[in-house]
Amino acid sequence: MIKILVIEDDATMRSLLQTLLQLEGYSVSVHIPTTMEEVLQAVGSINPEAIILDVHLKNLNGLDVVRKLRQSTFFHGRVIMASGMELDAECKTAGADQFLLKPYMPDDLINWLKYNLQTPDLQ
C-alpha cells in the first residue's frame, strides 16, 4: 500500500485529507509539525512515497522543510505543497514536485497522485 504523510497544522485540513486519501486506498499518516527535527524523524520512520506539505506552518516554513528533505539521503519520494497564496514557482524551486493553490478540488490532488504514484490496490 502506498504511504502518504500529511504535514499540516490546520486540524480541518488534516482530517479532510486523511479521509479523502484513505477512501482512495492510501495508507495515511498525519504529522503536526513543531520542529524540523520532528519532521525529519517522522519522514524517516514512516518512509512515505509522497508528502503533502503545507507551505505556511505555525512553527516552520514549508519551503525550508522541502529544501531539507531534498538534501537528505533518506527521502526520495514526491512532495506536493499547498498554500492559499500563489507560490508555485517558489515551491518548485525549493524542491516540490507539485503545488496546489488552496482551496483546490480534491480530484486535482487524487489525479496527480494516481498519475505520479502507483495506483493503490483497493482489493
C-alpha atoms as a PDB file:
ATOM      1  CA  MET A   1       0.000   0.000   0.000  1.00  0.00           C
ATOM      2  CA  ILE A   2       1.297   3.444  -0.891  1.00  0.00           C
ATOM      3  CA  LYS A   3       2.143   5.564   2.142  1.00  0.00           C
ATOM      4  CA  ILE A   4       1.413   9.280   2.245  1.00  0.00           C
ATOM      5  CA  LEU A   5       2.474  11.629   5.021  1.00  0.00           C
ATOM      6  CA  VAL A   6       0.366  14.746   5.570  1.00  0.00           C
ATOM      7  CA  ILE A   7       2.254  17.597   7.249  1.00  0.00           C
ATOM      8  CA  GLU A   8      -0.380  20.192   8.057  1.00  0.00           C
ATOM      9  CA  ASP A   9      -1.124  22.319  11.115  1.00  0.00           C
ATOM     10  CA  ASP A  10      -4.804  23.018  10.346  1.00  0.00           C
ATOM     11  CA  ALA A  11      -6.975  20.357  12.030  1.00  0.00           C
ATOM     12  CA  THR A  12      -9.805  20.573   9.482  1.00  0.00           C
ATOM     13  CA  MET A  13      -7.458  20.222   6.539  1.00  0.00           C
ATOM     14  CA  ARG A  14      -5.651  17.279   8.195  1.00  0.00           C
ATOM     15  CA  SER A  15      -8.936  15.482   8.777  1.00  0.00           C
ATOM     16  CA  LEU A  16     -10.229  16.110   5.247  1.00  0.00           C
ATOM     17  CA  LEU A  17      -7.006  14.961   3.616  1.00  0.00           C
ATOM     18  CA  GLN A  18      -6.765  11.873   5.789  1.00  0.00           C
ATOM     19  CA  THR A  19     -10.339  10.837   5.000  1.00  0.00           C
ATOM     20  CA  LEU A  20     -10.032  11.565   1.279  1.00  0.00           C
ATOM     21  CA  LEU A  21      -6.757   9.701   0.880  1.00  0.00           C
ATOM     22  CA  GLN A  22      -7.880   6.697   2.921  1.00  0.00           C
ATOM     23  CA  LEU A  23     -11.033   6.432   0.806  1.00  0.00           C
ATOM     24  CA  GLU A  24      -8.744   6.280  -2.233  1.00  0.00           C
ATOM     25  CA  GLY A  25      -6.835   3.359  -0.722  1.00  0.00           C
ATOM     26  CA  TYR A  26      -3.703   5.097   0.526  1.00  0.00           C
ATOM     27  CA  SER A  27      -2.062   4.473   3.884  1.00  0.00           C
ATOM     28  CA  VAL A  28      -2.094   7.904   5.532  1.00  0.00           C
ATOM     29  CA  SER A  29      -0.047   9.247   8.423  1.00  0.00           C
ATOM     30  CA  VAL A  30      -0.629  12.733   9.768  1.00  0.00           C
ATOM     31  CA  HIS A  31       2.043  14.836  11.414  1.00  0.00           C
ATOM     32  CA  ILE A  32       1.570  18.101  13.273  1.00  0.00           C
ATOM     33  CA  PRO A  33       4.964  19.757  12.998  1.00  0.00           C
ATOM     34  CA  THR A  34       6.692  21.689  15.744  1.00  0.00           C
ATOM     35  CA  THR A  35      10.378  21.354  14.823  1.00  0.00           C
ATOM     36  CA  MET A  36      12.387  20.435  11.737  1.00  0.00           C
ATOM     37  CA  GLU A  37      13.900  17.515  13.643  1.00  0.00           C
ATOM     38  CA  GLU A  38      10.424  16.090  14.333  1.00  0.00           C
ATOM     39  CA  VAL A  39       9.505  16.348  10.666  1.00  0.00           C
ATOM     40  CA  LEU A  40      12.689  14.595   9.567  1.00  0.00           C
ATOM     41  CA  GLN A  41      12.210  11.894  12.185  1.00  0.00           C
ATOM     42  CA  ALA A  42       8.606  11.306  11.052  1.00  0.00           C
ATOM     43  CA  VAL A  43       9.647  11.085   7.410  1.00  0.00           C
ATOM     44  CA  GLY A  44      12.479   8.708   8.264  1.00  0.00           C
ATOM     45  CA  SER A  45      10.308   6.388  10.329  1.00  0.00           C
ATOM     46  CA  ILE A  46       7.267   6.361   8.007  1.00  0.00           C
ATOM     47  CA  ASN A  47       9.239   6.327   4.738  1.00  0.00           C
ATOM     48  CA  PRO A  48       6.336   7.681   2.647  1.00  0.00           C
ATOM     49  CA  GLU A  49       6.148   7.590  -1.139  1.00  0.00           C
ATOM     50  CA  ALA A  50       4.651  11.089  -1.021  1.00  0.00           C
ATOM     51  CA  ILE A  51       4.313  14.007   1.373  1.00  0.00           C
ATOM     52  CA  ILE A  52       1.557  16.598   1.283  1.00  0.00           C
ATOM     53  CA  LEU A  53       3.112  19.661   2.879  1.00  0.00           C
ATOM     54  CA  ASP A  54       1.528  22.961   3.841  1.00  0.00           C
ATOM     55  CA  VAL A  55       3.705  25.949   2.956  1.00  0.00           C
ATOM     56  CA  HIS A  56       2.675  28.037   5.956  1.00  0.00           C
ATOM     57  CA  LEU A  57       3.059  26.080   9.177  1.00  0.00           C
ATOM     58  CA  LYS A  58       2.836  27.627  12.654  1.00  0.00           C
ATOM     59  CA  ASN A  59       6.405  26.869  13.714  1.00  0.00           C
ATOM     60  CA  LEU A  60       8.047  26.053  10.390  1.00  0.00           C
ATOM     61  CA  ASN A  61       8.303  27.294   6.844  1.00  0.00           C
ATOM     62  CA  GLY A  62       7.281  24.548   4.419  1.00  0.00           C
ATOM     63  CA  LEU A  63       9.823  25.808   1.881  1.00  0.00           C
ATOM     64  CA  ASP A  64      12.599  25.183   4.414  1.00  0.00           C
ATOM     65  CA  VAL A  65      11.169  21.715   5.106  1.00  0.00           C
ATOM     66  CA  VAL A  66      11.156  20.666   1.443  1.00  0.00           C
ATOM     67  CA  ARG A  67      14.691  22.011   0.950  1.00  0.00           C
ATOM     68  CA  LYS A  68      15.879  19.972   3.944  1.00  0.00           C
ATOM     69  CA  LEU A  69      14.077  16.860   2.663  1.00  0.00           C
ATOM     70  CA  ARG A  70      15.714  17.204  -0.743  1.00  0.00           C
ATOM     71  CA  GLN A  71      19.138  17.479   0.931  1.00  0.00           C
ATOM     72  CA  SER A  72      18.503  14.323   2.942  1.00  0.00           C
ATOM     73  CA  THR A  73      19.782  10.919   1.923  1.00  0.00           C
ATOM     74  CA  PHE A  74      16.741   9.021   3.208  1.00  0.00           C
ATOM     75  CA  PHE A  75      13.757  10.595   1.402  1.00  0.00           C
ATOM     76  CA  HIS A  76      13.329  10.095  -2.333  1.00  0.00           C
ATOM     77  CA  GLY A  77       9.558  10.442  -2.653  1.00  0.00           C
ATOM     78  CA  ARG A  78       7.268  13.072  -4.086  1.00  0.00           C
ATOM     79  CA  VAL A  79       6.338  16.329  -2.347  1.00  0.00           C
ATOM     80  CA  ILE A  80       3.064  18.139  -3.001  1.00  0.00           C
ATOM     81  CA  MET A  81       2.939  21.591  -1.435  1.00  0.00           C
ATOM     82  CA  ALA A  82      -0.183  23.687  -0.877  1.00  0.00           C
ATOM     83  CA  SER A  83      -0.904  27.276   0.089  1.00  0.00           C
ATOM     84  CA  GLY A  84      -3.620  29.881  -0.100  1.00  0.00           C
ATOM     85  CA  MET A  85      -1.094  32.144  -1.843  1.00  0.00           C
ATOM     86  CA  GLU A  86       0.242  31.602  -5.363  1.00  0.00           C
ATOM     87  CA  LEU A  87       3.685  30.166  -4.624  1.00  0.00           C
ATOM     88  CA  ASP A  88       4.052  27.653  -7.456  1.00  0.00           C
ATOM     89  CA  ALA A  89       7.471  28.845  -8.630  1.00  0.00           C
ATOM     90  CA  GLU A  90       8.877  29.205  -5.108  1.00  0.00           C
ATOM     91  CA  CYS A  91       7.720  25.713  -4.102  1.00  0.00           C
ATOM     92  CA  LYS A  92       9.062  24.030  -7.213  1.00  0.00           C
ATOM     93  CA  THR A  93      12.378  25.879  -6.919  1.00  0.00           C
ATOM     94  CA  ALA A  94      12.639  24.660  -3.318  1.00  0.00           C
ATOM     95  CA  GLY A  95      12.119  21.054  -4.471  1.00  0.00           C
ATOM     96  CA  ALA A  96       8.377  20.367  -4.573  1.00  0.00           C
ATOM     97  CA  ASP A  97       7.072  18.125  -7.341  1.00  0.00           C
ATOM     98  CA  GLN A  98       3.673  19.809  -7.382  1.00  0.00           C
ATOM     99  CA  PHE A  99       1.963  22.912  -5.993  1.00  0.00           C
ATOM    100  CA  LEU A 100      -1.764  23.216  -5.301  1.00  0.00           C
ATOM    101  CA  LEU A 101      -3.423  26.564  -4.653  1.00  0.00           C
ATOM    102  CA  LYS A 102      -5.928  26.346  -1.769  1.00  0.00           C
ATOM    103  CA  PRO A 103      -8.777  25.790  -1.936  1.00  0.00           C
ATOM    104  CA  TYR A 104      -8.174  23.102  -4.522  1.00  0.00           C
ATOM    105  CA  MET A 105     -10.504  20.436  -5.816  1.00  0.00           C
ATOM    106  CA  PRO A 106      -9.851  17.036  -4.215  1.00  0.00           C
ATOM    107  CA  ASP A 107      -9.772  15.471  -7.690  1.00  0.00           C
ATOM    108  CA  ASP A 108      -6.765  17.631  -8.576  1.00  0.00           C
ATOM    109  CA  LEU A 109      -4.777  16.026  -5.757  1.00  0.00           C
ATOM    110  CA  ILE A 110      -6.053  12.480  -6.339  1.00  0.00           C
ATOM    111  CA  ASN A 111      -5.471  12.612 -10.103  1.00  0.00           C
ATOM    112  CA  TRP A 112      -1.933  13.892  -9.580  1.00  0.00           C
ATOM    113  CA  LEU A 113      -1.183  11.120  -7.084  1.00  0.00           C
ATOM    114  CA  LYS A 114      -2.651   8.429  -9.347  1.00  0.00           C
ATOM    115  CA  TYR A 115      -0.646   9.685 -12.311  1.00  0.00           C
ATOM    116  CA  ASN A 116       2.626  10.124 -10.416  1.00  0.00           C
ATOM    117  CA  LEU A 117       2.500   7.187  -7.974  1.00  0.00           C
ATOM    118  CA  GLN A 118       1.466   3.605  -8.461  1.00  0.00           C
ATOM    119  CA  THR A 119      -2.292   3.273  -8.110  1.00  0.00           C
ATOM    120  CA  PRO A 120      -3.104   1.701  -4.732  1.00  0.00           C
ATOM    121  CA  ASP A 121      -4.596  -1.779  -4.731  1.00  0.00           C
ATOM    122  CA  LEU A 122      -8.118  -1.327  -3.422  1.00  0.00           C
ATOM    123  CA  GLN A 123      -8.820  -5.058  -3.209  1.00  0.00           C
END
